[in-house]
Amino acid sequence: MINLEILKLESLRNFRNQLLKDSDWIVLPDSPVSPDKRQEWIVYRQYLRDLPENFDFSGQIWTDEIMRSRILPSP
């Protein structure tokens, strides 16, 4: 029997890891962003690292689109 909770967690971790990889460059010292923006990214990346502990699945089916809407900041 497949444990759906484990699959959800693995999917979330994979998604989180990709977001962290995609944003590695922005926190480097020679990144072309302002110090204030860099600090915002540092806070956001820490939030990602804290996943899945700070994530509520609420029994829903989690697609990439749903995870993006729950994880990524609103525009």
N, C-alpha and C. Protein backbone atom coordinates (compact mmCIF):
# COMPACT_ATOMS: atom_id res chain seq x y z
N MET A 1 0.85 -1.18 0.00
CA MET A 1 0.00 0.00 0.00
C MET A 1 0.89 1.24 0.00
N ILE A 2 0.53 2.23 -0.80
CA ILE A 2 1.30 3.47 -0.91
C ILE A 2 0.80 4.44 0.15
N ASN A 3 1.72 5.00 0.89
CA ASN A 3 1.37 6.00 1.91
C ASN A 3 1.30 7.37 1.23
N LEU A 4 0.09 7.92 1.12
CA LEU A 4 -0.09 9.19 0.43
C LEU A 4 0.59 10.34 1.15
N GLU A 5 0.65 10.30 2.45
CA GLU A 5 1.33 11.37 3.19
C GLU A 5 2.81 11.42 2.83
N ILE A 6 3.43 10.26 2.70
CA ILE A 6 4.85 10.22 2.34
C ILE A 6 5.03 10.76 0.92
N LEU A 7 4.14 10.40 0.00
CA LEU A 7 4.23 10.90 -1.36
C LEU A 7 4.05 12.42 -1.40
N LYS A 8 3.12 12.93 -0.61
CA LYS A 8 2.93 14.38 -0.55
C LYS A 8 4.18 15.07 -0.04
N LEU A 9 4.77 14.53 1.02
CA LEU A 9 5.97 15.13 1.59
C LEU A 9 7.13 15.08 0.60
N GLU A 10 7.29 13.96 -0.08
CA GLU A 10 8.37 13.85 -1.07
C GLU A 10 8.15 14.84 -2.21
N SER A 11 6.93 14.97 -2.66
CA SER A 11 6.62 15.91 -3.73
C SER A 11 6.91 17.34 -3.29
N LEU A 12 6.49 17.67 -2.09
CA LEU A 12 6.74 19.01 -1.55
C LEU A 12 8.24 19.27 -1.41
N ARG A 13 8.98 18.31 -0.90
CA ARG A 13 10.43 18.48 -0.75
C ARG A 13 11.10 18.66 -2.11
N ASN A 14 10.70 17.88 -3.09
CA ASN A 14 11.28 18.02 -4.43
C ASN A 14 10.99 19.40 -5.01
N PHE A 15 9.77 19.86 -4.84
CA PHE A 15 9.38 21.18 -5.32
C PHE A 15 10.19 22.26 -4.59
N ARG A 16 10.28 22.14 -3.27
CA ARG A 16 11.05 23.09 -2.46
C ARG A 16 12.51 23.11 -2.90
N ASN A 17 13.09 21.94 -3.09
CA ASN A 17 14.50 21.86 -3.47
C ASN A 17 14.74 22.56 -4.81
N GLN A 18 13.80 22.40 -5.74
CA GLN A 18 13.96 23.08 -7.03
C GLN A 18 13.87 24.59 -6.88
N LEU A 19 12.95 25.06 -6.05
CA LEU A 19 12.85 26.50 -5.81
C LEU A 19 14.13 27.05 -5.18
N LEU A 20 14.72 26.30 -4.27
CA LEU A 20 15.98 26.73 -3.66
C LEU A 20 17.10 26.77 -4.70
N LYS A 21 17.18 25.74 -5.52
CA LYS A 21 18.21 25.72 -6.57
C LYS A 21 18.04 26.89 -7.53
N ASP A 22 16.81 27.14 -7.90
CA ASP A 22 16.53 28.22 -8.86
C ASP A 22 16.86 29.60 -8.29
N SER A 23 16.88 29.72 -7.00
CA SER A 23 17.13 31.04 -6.40
C SER A 23 18.50 31.15 -5.71
N ASP A 24 19.34 30.16 -5.88
CA ASP A 24 20.68 30.21 -5.28
C ASP A 24 21.44 31.48 -5.68
N TRP A 25 21.39 31.81 -6.95
CA TRP A 25 22.18 32.92 -7.48
C TRP A 25 21.84 34.26 -6.84
N ILE A 26 20.61 34.42 -6.40
CA ILE A 26 20.17 35.74 -5.96
C ILE A 26 20.75 36.13 -4.60
N VAL A 27 21.20 35.16 -3.83
CA VAL A 27 21.75 35.47 -2.51
C VAL A 27 23.28 35.52 -2.52
N LEU A 28 23.88 35.36 -3.68
CA LEU A 28 25.33 35.47 -3.78
C LEU A 28 25.76 36.93 -3.64
N PRO A 29 26.95 37.16 -3.11
CA PRO A 29 27.40 38.54 -2.89
C PRO A 29 27.44 39.40 -4.16
N ASP A 30 27.70 38.79 -5.31
CA ASP A 30 27.77 39.58 -6.55
C ASP A 30 26.45 39.60 -7.32
N SER A 31 25.38 39.21 -6.69
CA SER A 31 24.06 39.24 -7.32
C SER A 31 23.65 40.69 -7.57
N PRO A 32 22.98 40.94 -8.70
CA PRO A 32 22.61 42.32 -9.04
C PRO A 32 21.34 42.83 -8.34
N VAL A 33 21.07 42.36 -7.15
CA VAL A 33 19.89 42.83 -6.42
C VAL A 33 20.34 43.69 -5.25
N SER A 34 19.44 44.54 -4.81
CA SER A 34 19.76 45.42 -3.68
C SER A 34 19.89 44.60 -2.39
N PRO A 35 20.59 45.13 -1.42
CA PRO A 35 20.70 44.43 -0.13
C PRO A 35 19.33 44.14 0.51
N ASP A 36 18.40 45.07 0.34
CA ASP A 36 17.06 44.84 0.91
C ASP A 36 16.35 43.67 0.23
N LYS A 37 16.43 43.62 -1.09
CA LYS A 37 15.82 42.50 -1.82
C LYS A 37 16.52 41.19 -1.47
N ARG A 38 17.83 41.22 -1.36
CA ARG A 38 18.58 40.02 -1.00
C ARG A 38 18.10 39.50 0.36
N GLN A 39 17.89 40.43 1.30
CA GLN A 39 17.41 40.03 2.63
C GLN A 39 16.02 39.40 2.54
N GLU A 40 15.15 39.94 1.70
CA GLU A 40 13.82 39.33 1.51
C GLU A 40 13.95 37.90 0.99
N TRP A 41 14.87 37.71 0.06
CA TRP A 41 15.08 36.36 -0.48
C TRP A 41 15.65 35.43 0.57
N ILE A 42 16.51 35.93 1.41
CA ILE A 42 17.07 35.09 2.47
C ILE A 42 15.97 34.61 3.39
N VAL A 43 15.05 35.49 3.75
CA VAL A 43 13.92 35.12 4.61
C VAL A 43 13.03 34.10 3.89
N TYR A 44 12.73 34.36 2.62
CA TYR A 44 11.90 33.44 1.84
C TYR A 44 12.55 32.06 1.73
N ARG A 45 13.85 32.03 1.48
CA ARG A 45 14.56 30.76 1.34
C ARG A 45 14.59 30.00 2.67
N GLN A 46 14.64 30.73 3.78
CA GLN A 46 14.56 30.05 5.07
C GLN A 46 13.19 29.43 5.26
N TYR A 47 12.16 30.14 4.82
CA TYR A 47 10.80 29.59 4.87
C TYR A 47 10.75 28.28 4.07
N LEU A 48 11.36 28.28 2.90
CA LEU A 48 11.38 27.06 2.09
C LEU A 48 12.12 25.94 2.81
N ARG A 49 13.25 26.27 3.43
CA ARG A 49 14.02 25.24 4.14
C ARG A 49 13.23 24.63 5.29
N ASP A 50 12.35 25.43 5.87
CA ASP A 50 11.55 24.94 7.00
C ASP A 50 10.39 24.03 6.57
N LEU A 51 10.16 23.96 5.26
CA LEU A 51 9.13 23.04 4.78
C LEU A 51 9.61 21.61 4.97
N PRO A 52 8.80 20.66 5.24
CA PRO A 52 7.34 20.69 5.30
C PRO A 52 6.77 20.98 6.68
N GLU A 53 7.62 21.29 7.65
CA GLU A 53 7.12 21.50 9.01
C GLU A 53 6.08 22.62 9.09
N ASN A 54 6.20 23.64 8.23
CA ASN A 54 5.28 24.77 8.30
C ASN A 54 4.23 24.73 7.19
N PHE A 55 3.90 23.54 6.70
CA PHE A 55 2.97 23.40 5.59
C PHE A 55 1.78 22.57 6.02
N ASP A 56 0.58 23.07 5.72
CA ASP A 56 -0.66 22.36 6.07
C ASP A 56 -1.26 21.73 4.82
N PHE A 57 -1.28 20.42 4.76
CA PHE A 57 -1.83 19.74 3.59
C PHE A 57 -3.35 19.77 3.57
N SER A 58 -3.99 19.80 4.69
CA SER A 58 -5.45 19.87 4.81
C SER A 58 -6.19 18.85 3.96
N GLY A 59 -5.59 17.70 3.70
CA GLY A 59 -6.26 16.64 2.99
C GLY A 59 -6.51 16.89 1.51
N GLN A 60 -5.93 17.95 0.95
CA GLN A 60 -6.14 18.25 -0.46
C GLN A 60 -5.14 17.50 -1.33
N ILE A 61 -5.42 17.46 -2.63
CA ILE A 61 -4.47 16.93 -3.60
C ILE A 61 -3.56 18.10 -3.98
N TRP A 62 -2.25 17.90 -3.87
CA TRP A 62 -1.31 19.00 -4.08
C TRP A 62 -0.61 18.87 -5.42
N THR A 63 -1.04 19.70 -6.37
CA THR A 63 -0.37 19.80 -7.66
C THR A 63 0.70 20.88 -7.54
N ASP A 64 1.57 20.98 -8.54
CA ASP A 64 2.57 22.04 -8.52
C ASP A 64 1.92 23.42 -8.44
N GLU A 65 0.82 23.60 -9.15
CA GLU A 65 0.13 24.89 -9.14
C GLU A 65 -0.37 25.25 -7.75
N ILE A 66 -0.95 24.29 -7.07
CA ILE A 66 -1.44 24.55 -5.71
C ILE A 66 -0.27 24.83 -4.78
N MET A 67 0.81 24.05 -4.90
CA MET A 67 1.96 24.28 -4.03
C MET A 67 2.54 25.67 -4.29
N ARG A 68 2.64 26.06 -5.56
CA ARG A 68 3.16 27.39 -5.87
C ARG A 68 2.30 28.47 -5.22
N SER A 69 1.00 28.32 -5.29
CA SER A 69 0.11 29.34 -4.72
C SER A 69 0.22 29.39 -3.21
N ARG A 70 0.53 28.27 -2.56
CA ARG A 70 0.64 28.24 -1.11
C ARG A 70 2.03 28.64 -0.62
N ILE A 71 3.06 28.40 -1.44
CA ILE A 71 4.44 28.65 -1.01
C ILE A 71 4.94 30.01 -1.47
N LEU A 72 4.70 30.33 -2.73
CA LEU A 72 5.29 31.53 -3.31
C LEU A 72 4.54 32.76 -2.82
N PRO A 73 5.26 33.86 -2.61
CA PRO A 73 4.61 35.08 -2.17
C PRO A 73 3.66 35.61 -3.25
N SER A 74 2.62 36.28 -2.81
CA SER A 74 1.68 36.88 -3.76
C SER A 74 2.34 38.05 -4.47
N PRO A 75 1.98 38.27 -5.74
CA PRO A 75 2.58 39.41 -6.48
C PRO A 75 2.10 40.73 -5.95
